[in-house]
Amino acid sequence: MLNSESGEMEKLKVVKTISSIYEHNMEDDHVWDCYCAFLDLFLEDDAITTNYLINLIELTRGQRLVYRNKLAEMGFELTPNELNQYIFLLLMALNEYMDSIDA
């Protein structure tokens, strides 16, 4: 997105990365949409939101279970694999954001 010459190329890169790391990965369009949404959140430069997202990235295995249970109570059930994919997408978006502000 920010550093790419083509949005399609960036989409291919993001989807391919997720597919190479995780089995039973999310659908390609969903992966891309989530990545873009996370990147947009970082680009808003809202310190509270950014800190919240960074805290999600830093959750331990036990904390991720607690978080998944809280999400399930709100009606959003995720497998450990799905949560890991979302967290990985957060990391990718954070990396892209950091690259954009360092440039």
PDB file of N, CA and C in Angstrom:
ATOM      1  N   MET A   1       0.825  -1.185   0.000  1.00  0.00           N
ATOM      2  CA  MET A   1       0.000   0.000   0.000  1.00  0.00           C
ATOM      3  C   MET A   1       0.870   1.249   0.000  1.00  0.00           C
ATOM      4  N   LEU A   2       1.486   1.577   1.106  1.00  0.00           N
ATOM      5  CA  LEU A   2       2.248   2.810   1.169  1.00  0.00           C
ATOM      6  C   LEU A   2       3.530   2.743   0.362  1.00  0.00           C
ATOM      7  N   ASN A   3       4.229   1.602   0.437  1.00  0.00           N
ATOM      8  CA  ASN A   3       5.521   1.499  -0.217  1.00  0.00           C
ATOM      9  C   ASN A   3       5.466   0.754  -1.546  1.00  0.00           C
ATOM     10  N   SER A   4       4.300   0.323  -1.953  1.00  0.00           N
ATOM     11  CA  SER A   4       4.235  -0.501  -3.156  1.00  0.00           C
ATOM     12  C   SER A   4       3.927   0.345  -4.382  1.00  0.00           C
ATOM     13  N   GLU A   5       4.324  -0.161  -5.506  1.00  0.00           N
ATOM     14  CA  GLU A   5       4.011   0.498  -6.767  1.00  0.00           C
ATOM     15  C   GLU A   5       2.591   0.153  -7.204  1.00  0.00           C
ATOM     16  N   SER A   6       2.079  -0.965  -6.732  1.00  0.00           N
ATOM     17  CA  SER A   6       0.769  -1.433  -7.160  1.00  0.00           C
ATOM     18  C   SER A   6       0.036  -2.066  -5.991  1.00  0.00           C
ATOM     19  N   GLY A   7      -1.220  -1.654  -5.793  1.00  0.00           N
ATOM     20  CA  GLY A   7      -2.040  -2.248  -4.740  1.00  0.00           C
ATOM     21  C   GLY A   7      -2.234  -3.737  -4.937  1.00  0.00           C
ATOM     22  N   GLU A   8      -2.353  -4.166  -6.188  1.00  0.00           N
ATOM     23  CA  GLU A   8      -2.528  -5.590  -6.466  1.00  0.00           C
ATOM     24  C   GLU A   8      -1.285  -6.376  -6.078  1.00  0.00           C
ATOM     25  N   MET A   9      -0.130  -5.822  -6.322  1.00  0.00           N
ATOM     26  CA  MET A   9       1.108  -6.500  -5.952  1.00  0.00           C
ATOM     27  C   MET A   9       1.189  -6.620  -4.436  1.00  0.00           C
ATOM     28  N   GLU A  10       0.840  -5.562  -3.736  1.00  0.00           N
ATOM     29  CA  GLU A  10       0.857  -5.592  -2.283  1.00  0.00           C
ATOM     30  C   GLU A  10      -0.139  -6.628  -1.763  1.00  0.00           C
ATOM     31  N   LYS A  11      -1.319  -6.692  -2.367  1.00  0.00           N
ATOM     32  CA  LYS A  11      -2.318  -7.673  -1.949  1.00  0.00           C
ATOM     33  C   LYS A  11      -1.770  -9.080  -2.123  1.00  0.00           C
ATOM     34  N   LEU A  12      -1.155  -9.340  -3.247  1.00  0.00           N
ATOM     35  CA  LEU A  12      -0.579 -10.662  -3.512  1.00  0.00           C
ATOM     36  C   LEU A  12       0.469 -11.000  -2.460  1.00  0.00           C
ATOM     37  N   LYS A  13       1.305 -10.035  -2.112  1.00  0.00           N
ATOM     38  CA  LYS A  13       2.355 -10.243  -1.119  1.00  0.00           C
ATOM     39  C   LYS A  13       1.764 -10.571   0.259  1.00  0.00           C
ATOM     40  N   VAL A  14       0.759  -9.825   0.669  1.00  0.00           N
ATOM     41  CA  VAL A  14       0.137 -10.041   1.979  1.00  0.00           C
ATOM     42  C   VAL A  14      -0.532 -11.408   2.023  1.00  0.00           C
ATOM     43  N   VAL A  15      -1.307 -11.728   1.012  1.00  0.00           N
ATOM     44  CA  VAL A  15      -2.024 -13.009   0.961  1.00  0.00           C
ATOM     45  C   VAL A  15      -1.048 -14.173   0.910  1.00  0.00           C
ATOM     46  N   LYS A  16      -0.009 -14.036   0.099  1.00  0.00           N
ATOM     47  CA  LYS A  16       0.982 -15.109  -0.031  1.00  0.00           C
ATOM     48  C   LYS A  16       1.721 -15.329   1.287  1.00  0.00           C
ATOM     49  N   THR A  17       2.028 -14.260   1.993  1.00  0.00           N
ATOM     50  CA  THR A  17       2.711 -14.379   3.282  1.00  0.00           C
ATOM     51  C   THR A  17       1.854 -15.145   4.279  1.00  0.00           C
ATOM     52  N   ILE A  18       0.594 -14.763   4.404  1.00  0.00           N
ATOM     53  CA  ILE A  18      -0.320 -15.460   5.319  1.00  0.00           C
ATOM     54  C   ILE A  18      -0.451 -16.929   4.921  1.00  0.00           C
ATOM     55  N   SER A  19      -0.619 -17.178   3.637  1.00  0.00           N
ATOM     56  CA  SER A  19      -0.798 -18.552   3.154  1.00  0.00           C
ATOM     57  C   SER A  19       0.430 -19.412   3.408  1.00  0.00           C
ATOM     58  N   SER A  20       1.602 -18.813   3.368  1.00  0.00           N
ATOM     59  CA  SER A  20       2.819 -19.592   3.571  1.00  0.00           C
ATOM     60  C   SER A  20       3.077 -19.911   5.040  1.00  0.00           C
ATOM     61  N   ILE A  21       2.461 -19.173   5.931  1.00  0.00           N
ATOM     62  CA  ILE A  21       2.704 -19.358   7.361  1.00  0.00           C
ATOM     63  C   ILE A  21       1.614 -20.191   8.035  1.00  0.00           C
ATOM     64  N   TYR A  22       0.369 -19.974   7.643  1.00  0.00           N
ATOM     65  CA  TYR A  22      -0.756 -20.594   8.338  1.00  0.00           C
ATOM     66  C   TYR A  22      -1.477 -21.601   7.462  1.00  0.00           C
ATOM     67  N   GLU A  23      -1.869 -22.699   8.085  1.00  0.00           N
ATOM     68  CA  GLU A  23      -2.778 -23.639   7.440  1.00  0.00           C
ATOM     69  C   GLU A  23      -4.189 -23.136   7.696  1.00  0.00           C
ATOM     70  N   HIS A  24      -5.096 -23.498   6.854  1.00  0.00           N
ATOM     71  CA  HIS A  24      -6.497 -23.090   7.003  1.00  0.00           C
ATOM     72  C   HIS A  24      -6.585 -21.576   7.152  1.00  0.00           C
ATOM     73  N   ASN A  25      -5.910 -20.877   6.240  1.00  0.00           N
ATOM     74  CA  ASN A  25      -5.923 -19.428   6.332  1.00  0.00           C
ATOM     75  C   ASN A  25      -7.257 -18.859   5.865  1.00  0.00           C
ATOM     76  N   MET A  26      -7.486 -17.620   6.238  1.00  0.00           N
ATOM     77  CA  MET A  26      -8.720 -16.926   5.888  1.00  0.00           C
ATOM     78  C   MET A  26      -8.754 -16.669   4.384  1.00  0.00           C
ATOM     79  N   GLU A  27      -9.923 -16.339   3.873  1.00  0.00           N
ATOM     80  CA  GLU A  27     -10.074 -16.067   2.441  1.00  0.00           C
ATOM     81  C   GLU A  27      -9.229 -14.866   2.050  1.00  0.00           C
ATOM     82  N   ASP A  28      -8.714 -14.906   0.841  1.00  0.00           N
ATOM     83  CA  ASP A  28      -7.792 -13.876   0.361  1.00  0.00           C
ATOM     84  C   ASP A  28      -8.354 -12.460   0.509  1.00  0.00           C
ATOM     85  N   ASP A  29      -9.595 -12.257   0.086  1.00  0.00           N
ATOM     86  CA  ASP A  29     -10.178 -10.917   0.164  1.00  0.00           C
ATOM     87  C   ASP A  29     -10.325 -10.460   1.609  1.00  0.00           C
ATOM     88  N   HIS A  30     -10.644 -11.382   2.502  1.00  0.00           N
ATOM     89  CA  HIS A  30     -10.774 -11.033   3.922  1.00  0.00           C
ATOM     90  C   HIS A  30      -9.409 -10.666   4.511  1.00  0.00           C
ATOM     91  N   VAL A  31      -8.398 -11.413   4.143  1.00  0.00           N
ATOM     92  CA  VAL A  31      -7.037 -11.108   4.598  1.00  0.00           C
ATOM     93  C   VAL A  31      -6.667  -9.692   4.175  1.00  0.00           C
ATOM     94  N   TRP A  32      -6.892  -9.387   2.915  1.00  0.00           N
ATOM     95  CA  TRP A  32      -6.541  -8.068   2.391  1.00  0.00           C
ATOM     96  C   TRP A  32      -7.351  -6.960   3.065  1.00  0.00           C
ATOM     97  N   ASP A  33      -8.660  -7.185   3.207  1.00  0.00           N
ATOM     98  CA  ASP A  33      -9.516  -6.181   3.842  1.00  0.00           C
ATOM     99  C   ASP A  33      -9.081  -5.899   5.275  1.00  0.00           C
ATOM    100  N   CYS A  34      -8.733  -6.948   6.007  1.00  0.00           N
ATOM    101  CA  CYS A  34      -8.277  -6.779   7.394  1.00  0.00           C
ATOM    102  C   CYS A  34      -6.959  -6.026   7.447  1.00  0.00           C
ATOM    103  N   TYR A  35      -6.037  -6.413   6.585  1.00  0.00           N
ATOM    104  CA  TYR A  35      -4.747  -5.729   6.535  1.00  0.00           C
ATOM    105  C   TYR A  35      -4.952  -4.232   6.272  1.00  0.00           C
ATOM    106  N   CYS A  36      -5.777  -3.901   5.293  1.00  0.00           N
ATOM    107  CA  CYS A  36      -6.036  -2.499   4.963  1.00  0.00           C
ATOM    108  C   CYS A  36      -6.707  -1.765   6.116  1.00  0.00           C
ATOM    109  N   ALA A  37      -7.648  -2.425   6.779  1.00  0.00           N
ATOM    110  CA  ALA A  37      -8.335  -1.802   7.914  1.00  0.00           C
ATOM    111  C   ALA A  37      -7.350  -1.540   9.058  1.00  0.00           C
ATOM    112  N   PHE A  38      -6.480  -2.503   9.332  1.00  0.00           N
ATOM    113  CA  PHE A  38      -5.482  -2.311  10.390  1.00  0.00           C
ATOM    114  C   PHE A  38      -4.532  -1.183  10.032  1.00  0.00           C
ATOM    115  N   LEU A  39      -4.100  -1.140   8.788  1.00  0.00           N
ATOM    116  CA  LEU A  39      -3.197  -0.084   8.350  1.00  0.00           C
ATOM    117  C   LEU A  39      -3.881   1.275   8.481  1.00  0.00           C
ATOM    118  N   ASP A  40      -5.138   1.355   8.090  1.00  0.00           N
ATOM    119  CA  ASP A  40      -5.889   2.607   8.229  1.00  0.00           C
ATOM    120  C   ASP A  40      -5.971   3.043   9.689  1.00  0.00           C
ATOM    121  N   LEU A  41      -6.160   2.085  10.601  1.00  0.00           N
ATOM    122  CA  LEU A  41      -6.205   2.431  12.018  1.00  0.00           C
ATOM    123  C   LEU A  41      -4.885   3.037  12.482  1.00  0.00           C
ATOM    124  N   PHE A  42      -3.770   2.459  12.056  1.00  0.00           N
ATOM    125  CA  PHE A  42      -2.464   3.022  12.420  1.00  0.00           C
ATOM    126  C   PHE A  42      -2.273   4.409  11.807  1.00  0.00           C
ATOM    127  N   LEU A  43      -2.728   4.585  10.581  1.00  0.00           N
ATOM    128  CA  LEU A  43      -2.556   5.860   9.891  1.00  0.00           C
ATOM    129  C   LEU A  43      -3.368   6.988  10.527  1.00  0.00           C
ATOM    130  N   GLU A  44      -4.406   6.645  11.271  1.00  0.00           N
ATOM    131  CA  GLU A  44      -5.200   7.669  11.955  1.00  0.00           C
ATOM    132  C   GLU A  44      -4.410   8.346  13.068  1.00  0.00           C
ATOM    133  N   ASP A  45      -3.311   7.737  13.484  1.00  0.00           N
ATOM    134  CA  ASP A  45      -2.447   8.293  14.535  1.00  0.00           C
ATOM    135  C   ASP A  45      -3.190   8.580  15.831  1.00  0.00           C
ATOM    136  N   ASP A  46      -4.137   7.715  16.165  1.00  0.00           N
ATOM    137  CA  ASP A  46      -4.846   7.804  17.446  1.00  0.00           C
ATOM    138  C   ASP A  46      -4.054   6.987  18.457  1.00  0.00           C
ATOM    139  N   ALA A  47      -3.460   7.652  19.423  1.00  0.00           N
ATOM    140  CA  ALA A  47      -2.567   6.980  20.380  1.00  0.00           C
ATOM    141  C   ALA A  47      -3.275   5.876  21.153  1.00  0.00           C
ATOM    142  N   ILE A  48      -4.506   6.071  21.532  1.00  0.00           N
ATOM    143  CA  ILE A  48      -5.237   5.064  22.311  1.00  0.00           C
ATOM    144  C   ILE A  48      -5.449   3.807  21.472  1.00  0.00           C
ATOM    145  N   THR A  49      -5.883   3.988  20.236  1.00  0.00           N
ATOM    146  CA  THR A  49      -6.105   2.838  19.347  1.00  0.00           C
ATOM    147  C   THR A  49      -4.792   2.132  19.039  1.00  0.00           C
ATOM    148  N   THR A  50      -3.762   2.911  18.739  1.00  0.00           N
ATOM    149  CA  THR A  50      -2.457   2.323  18.432  1.00  0.00           C
ATOM    150  C   THR A  50      -1.934   1.520  19.611  1.00  0.00           C
ATOM    151  N   ASN A  51      -2.031   2.060  20.810  1.00  0.00           N
ATOM    152  CA  ASN A  51      -1.579   1.329  22.006  1.00  0.00           C
ATOM    153  C   ASN A  51      -2.379   0.053  22.210  1.00  0.00           C
ATOM    154  N   TYR A  52      -3.684   0.108  21.982  1.00  0.00           N
ATOM    155  CA  TYR A  52      -4.527  -1.079  22.113  1.00  0.00           C
ATOM    156  C   TYR A  52      -4.078  -2.161  21.136  1.00  0.00           C
ATOM    157  N   LEU A  53      -3.848  -1.778  19.885  1.00  0.00           N
ATOM    158  CA  LEU A  53      -3.435  -2.749  18.867  1.00  0.00           C
ATOM    159  C   LEU A  53      -2.058  -3.331  19.185  1.00  0.00           C
ATOM    160  N   ILE A  54      -1.154  -2.510  19.660  1.00  0.00           N
ATOM    161  CA  ILE A  54       0.169  -3.012  20.037  1.00  0.00           C
ATOM    162  C   ILE A  54       0.064  -3.965  21.217  1.00  0.00           C
ATOM    163  N   ASN A  55      -0.814  -3.656  22.160  1.00  0.00           N
ATOM    164  CA  ASN A  55      -1.022  -4.574  23.290  1.00  0.00           C
ATOM    165  C   ASN A  55      -1.551  -5.923  22.812  1.00  0.00           C
ATOM    166  N   LEU A  56      -2.408  -5.925  21.791  1.00  0.00           N
ATOM    167  CA  LEU A  56      -2.894  -7.196  21.223  1.00  0.00           C
ATOM    168  C   LEU A  56      -1.745  -8.009  20.646  1.00  0.00           C
ATOM    169  N   ILE A  57      -0.845  -7.339  19.968  1.00  0.00           N
ATOM    170  CA  ILE A  57       0.298  -8.011  19.362  1.00  0.00           C
ATOM    171  C   ILE A  57       1.148  -8.688  20.432  1.00  0.00           C
ATOM    172  N   GLU A  58       1.247  -8.073  21.593  1.00  0.00           N
ATOM    173  CA  GLU A  58       2.128  -8.552  22.653  1.00  0.00           C
ATOM    174  C   GLU A  58       1.490  -9.587  23.593  1.00  0.00           C
ATOM    175  N   LEU A  59       0.246  -9.999  23.334  1.00  0.00           N
ATOM    176  CA  LEU A  59      -0.417 -10.972  24.204  1.00  0.00           C
ATOM    177  C   LEU A  59       0.323 -12.311  24.215  1.00  0.00           C
ATOM    178  N   THR A  60       0.418 -12.893  25.395  1.00  0.00           N
ATOM    179  CA  THR A  60       0.977 -14.238  25.521  1.00  0.00           C
ATOM    180  C   THR A  60      -0.081 -15.250  25.095  1.00  0.00           C
ATOM    181  N   ARG A  61       0.304 -16.506  25.029  1.00  0.00           N
ATOM    182  CA  ARG A  61      -0.637 -17.569  24.655  1.00  0.00           C
ATOM    183  C   ARG A  61      -1.837 -17.602  25.617  1.00  0.00           C
ATOM    184  N   GLY A  62      -1.571 -17.508  26.909  1.00  0.00           N
ATOM    185  CA  GLY A  62      -2.649 -17.510  27.899  1.00  0.00           C
ATOM    186  C   GLY A  62      -3.536 -16.288  27.776  1.00  0.00           C
ATOM    187  N   GLN A  63      -2.935 -15.141  27.539  1.00  0.00           N
ATOM    188  CA  GLN A  63      -3.713 -13.912  27.380  1.00  0.00           C
ATOM    189  C   GLN A  63      -4.560 -13.957  26.115  1.00  0.00           C
ATOM    190  N   ARG A  64      -4.055 -14.620  25.087  1.00  0.00           N
ATOM    191  CA  ARG A  64      -4.844 -14.757  23.852  1.00  0.00           C
ATOM    192  C   ARG A  64      -6.094 -15.602  24.103  1.00  0.00           C
ATOM    193  N   LEU A  65      -5.958 -16.626  24.932  1.00  0.00           N
ATOM    194  CA  LEU A  65      -7.119 -17.457  25.273  1.00  0.00           C
ATOM    195  C   LEU A  65      -8.166 -16.628  26.009  1.00  0.00           C
ATOM    196  N   VAL A  66      -7.730 -15.842  26.966  1.00  0.00           N
ATOM    197  CA  VAL A  66      -8.650 -14.967  27.708  1.00  0.00           C
ATOM    198  C   VAL A  66      -9.326 -13.990  26.744  1.00  0.00           C
ATOM    199  N   TYR A  67      -8.551 -13.422  25.844  1.00  0.00           N
ATOM    200  CA  TYR A  67      -9.087 -12.475  24.863  1.00  0.00           C
ATOM    201  C   TYR A  67     -10.109 -13.151  23.953  1.00  0.00           C
ATOM    202  N   ARG A  68      -9.792 -14.359  23.492  1.00  0.00           N
ATOM    203  CA  ARG A  68     -10.742 -15.103  22.651  1.00  0.00           C
ATOM    204  C   ARG A  68     -12.036 -15.372  23.401  1.00  0.00           C
ATOM    205  N   ASN A  69     -11.939 -15.698  24.691  1.00  0.00           N
ATOM    206  CA  ASN A  69     -13.139 -15.934  25.493  1.00  0.00           C
ATOM    207  C   ASN A  69     -13.979 -14.663  25.625  1.00  0.00           C
ATOM    208  N   LYS A  70     -13.326 -13.533  25.810  1.00  0.00           N
ATOM    209  CA  LYS A  70     -14.046 -12.258  25.890  1.00  0.00           C
ATOM    210  C   LYS A  70     -14.737 -11.950  24.568  1.00  0.00           C
ATOM    211  N   LEU A  71     -14.045 -12.200  23.473  1.00  0.00           N
ATOM    212  CA  LEU A  71     -14.656 -11.996  22.159  1.00  0.00           C
ATOM    213  C   LEU A  71     -15.854 -12.917  21.967  1.00  0.00           C
ATOM    214  N   ALA A  72     -15.729 -14.169  22.403  1.00  0.00           N
ATOM    215  CA  ALA A  72     -16.826 -15.134  22.264  1.00  0.00           C
ATOM    216  C   ALA A  72     -18.046 -14.682  23.061  1.00  0.00           C
ATOM    217  N   GLU A  73     -17.810 -14.124  24.232  1.00  0.00           N
ATOM    218  CA  GLU A  73     -18.919 -13.605  25.048  1.00  0.00           C
ATOM    219  C   GLU A  73     -19.661 -12.488  24.321  1.00  0.00           C
ATOM    220  N   MET A  74     -18.948 -11.777  23.441  1.00  0.00           N
ATOM    221  CA  MET A  74     -19.564 -10.691  22.669  1.00  0.00           C
ATOM    222  C   MET A  74     -20.125 -11.200  21.338  1.00  0.00           C
ATOM    223  N   GLY A  75     -19.999 -12.523  21.090  1.00  0.00           N
ATOM    224  CA  GLY A  75     -20.559 -13.116  19.881  1.00  0.00           C
ATOM    225  C   GLY A  75     -19.588 -13.274  18.727  1.00  0.00           C
ATOM    226  N   PHE A  76     -18.294 -13.066  18.975  1.00  0.00           N
ATOM    227  CA  PHE A  76     -17.284 -13.191  17.928  1.00  0.00           C
ATOM    228  C   PHE A  76     -16.337 -14.324  18.271  1.00  0.00           C
ATOM    229  N   GLU A  77     -16.642 -15.517  17.773  1.00  0.00           N
ATOM    230  CA  GLU A  77     -15.807 -16.670  18.089  1.00  0.00           C
ATOM    231  C   GLU A  77     -14.686 -16.816  17.069  1.00  0.00           C
ATOM    232  N   LEU A  78     -13.471 -16.950  17.589  1.00  0.00           N
ATOM    233  CA  LEU A  78     -12.291 -17.148  16.755  1.00  0.00           C
ATOM    234  C   LEU A  78     -11.540 -18.379  17.222  1.00  0.00           C
ATOM    235  N   THR A  79     -10.998 -19.108  16.278  1.00  0.00           N
ATOM    236  CA  THR A  79     -10.093 -20.198  16.636  1.00  0.00           C
ATOM    237  C   THR A  79      -8.740 -19.572  16.991  1.00  0.00           C
ATOM    238  N   PRO A  80      -7.886 -20.325  17.681  1.00  0.00           N
ATOM    239  CA  PRO A  80      -6.542 -19.788  17.944  1.00  0.00           C
ATOM    240  C   PRO A  80      -5.817 -19.412  16.642  1.00  0.00           C
ATOM    241  N   ASN A  81      -5.982 -20.224  15.617  1.00  0.00           N
ATOM    242  CA  ASN A  81      -5.363 -19.955  14.328  1.00  0.00           C
ATOM    243  C   ASN A  81      -5.862 -18.638  13.728  1.00  0.00           C
ATOM    244  N   GLU A  82      -7.161 -18.388  13.805  1.00  0.00           N
ATOM    245  CA  GLU A  82      -7.710 -17.143  13.265  1.00  0.00           C
ATOM    246  C   GLU A  82      -7.171 -15.930  14.023  1.00  0.00           C
ATOM    247  N   LEU A  83      -7.155 -16.013  15.346  1.00  0.00           N
ATOM    248  CA  LEU A  83      -6.626 -14.896  16.132  1.00  0.00           C
ATOM    249  C   LEU A  83      -5.163 -14.659  15.792  1.00  0.00           C
ATOM    250  N   ASN A  84      -4.396 -15.723  15.655  1.00  0.00           N
ATOM    251  CA  ASN A  84      -2.985 -15.580  15.284  1.00  0.00           C
ATOM    252  C   ASN A  84      -2.830 -14.894  13.925  1.00  0.00           C
ATOM    253  N   GLN A  85      -3.711 -15.229  12.985  1.00  0.00           N
ATOM    254  CA  GLN A  85      -3.651 -14.590  11.673  1.00  0.00           C
ATOM    255  C   GLN A  85      -3.962 -13.098  11.769  1.00  0.00           C
ATOM    256  N   TYR A  86      -4.976 -12.745  12.570  1.00  0.00           N
ATOM    257  CA  TYR A  86      -5.297 -11.328  12.758  1.00  0.00           C
ATOM    258  C   TYR A  86      -4.124 -10.590  13.402  1.00  0.00           C
ATOM    259  N   ILE A  87      -3.506 -11.205  14.388  1.00  0.00           N
ATOM    260  CA  ILE A  87      -2.368 -10.579  15.045  1.00  0.00           C
ATOM    261  C   ILE A  87      -1.201 -10.436  14.073  1.00  0.00           C
ATOM    262  N   PHE A  88      -0.982 -11.441  13.235  1.00  0.00           N
ATOM    263  CA  PHE A  88       0.076 -11.339  12.238  1.00  0.00           C
ATOM    264  C   PHE A  88      -0.215 -10.210  11.245  1.00  0.00           C
ATOM    265  N   LEU A  89      -1.471 -10.073  10.842  1.00  0.00           N
ATOM    266  CA  LEU A  89      -1.842  -8.973   9.952  1.00  0.00           C
ATOM    267  C   LEU A  89      -1.623  -7.621  10.624  1.00  0.00           C
ATOM    268  N   LEU A  90      -1.897  -7.555  11.918  1.00  0.00           N
ATOM    269  CA  LEU A  90      -1.595  -6.338  12.672  1.00  0.00           C
ATOM    270  C   LEU A  90      -0.107  -6.017  12.611  1.00  0.00           C
ATOM    271  N   LEU A  91       0.720  -7.043  12.796  1.00  0.00           N
ATOM    272  CA  LEU A  91       2.170  -6.848  12.721  1.00  0.00           C
ATOM    273  C   LEU A  91       2.603  -6.353  11.343  1.00  0.00           C
ATOM    274  N   MET A  92       2.026  -6.936  10.298  1.00  0.00           N
ATOM    275  CA  MET A  92       2.371  -6.511   8.942  1.00  0.00           C
ATOM    276  C   MET A  92       1.961  -5.062   8.708  1.00  0.00           C
ATOM    277  N   ALA A  93       0.765  -4.702   9.176  1.00  0.00           N
ATOM    278  CA  ALA A  93       0.291  -3.333   9.006  1.00  0.00           C
ATOM    279  C   ALA A  93       1.137  -2.361   9.826  1.00  0.00           C
ATOM    280  N   LEU A  94       1.499  -2.757  11.035  1.00  0.00           N
ATOM    281  CA  LEU A  94       2.350  -1.908  11.871  1.00  0.00           C
ATOM    282  C   LEU A  94       3.706  -1.699  11.208  1.00  0.00           C
ATOM    283  N   ASN A  95       4.248  -2.762  10.639  1.00  0.00           N
ATOM    284  CA  ASN A  95       5.530  -2.653   9.935  1.00  0.00           C
ATOM    285  C   ASN A  95       5.430  -1.679   8.764  1.00  0.00           C
ATOM    286  N   GLU A  96       4.361  -1.797   7.989  1.00  0.00           N
ATOM    287  CA  GLU A  96       4.152  -0.889   6.844  1.00  0.00           C
ATOM    288  C   GLU A  96       4.019   0.556   7.344  1.00  0.00           C
ATOM    289  N   TYR A  97       3.276   0.741   8.400  1.00  0.00           N
ATOM    290  CA  TYR A  97       3.095   2.077   8.975  1.00  0.00           C
ATOM    291  C   TYR A  97       4.426   2.649   9.439  1.00  0.00           C
ATOM    292  N   MET A  98       5.211   1.848  10.156  1.00  0.00           N
ATOM    293  CA  MET A  98       6.501   2.316  10.659  1.00  0.00           C
ATOM    294  C   MET A  98       7.438   2.675   9.499  1.00  0.00           C
ATOM    295  N   ASP A  99       7.417   1.872   8.447  1.00  0.00           N
ATOM    296  CA  ASP A  99       8.217   2.182   7.261  1.00  0.00           C
ATOM    297  C   ASP A  99       7.798   3.524   6.660  1.00  0.00           C
ATOM    298  N   SER A 100       6.501   3.811   6.678  1.00  0.00           N
ATOM    299  CA  SER A 100       6.003   5.049   6.058  1.00  0.00           C
ATOM    300  C   SER A 100       6.402   6.285   6.866  1.00  0.00           C
ATOM    301  N   ILE A 101       6.480   6.161   8.175  1.00  0.00           N
ATOM    302  CA  ILE A 101       6.843   7.346   8.972  1.00  0.00           C
ATOM    303  C   ILE A 101       8.354   7.518   9.065  1.00  0.00           C
ATOM    304  N   ASP A 102       9.103   6.447   8.789  1.00  0.00           N
ATOM    305  CA  ASP A 102      10.562   6.546   8.773  1.00  0.00           C
ATOM    306  C   ASP A 102      11.082   7.131   7.470  1.00  0.00           C
ATOM    307  N   ALA A 103      10.255   7.081   6.425  1.00  0.00           N
ATOM    308  CA  ALA A 103      10.699   7.520   5.094  1.00  0.00           C
ATOM    309  C   ALA A 103      10.829   9.026   5.004  1.00  0.00           C
TER     310      ALA A 103
END
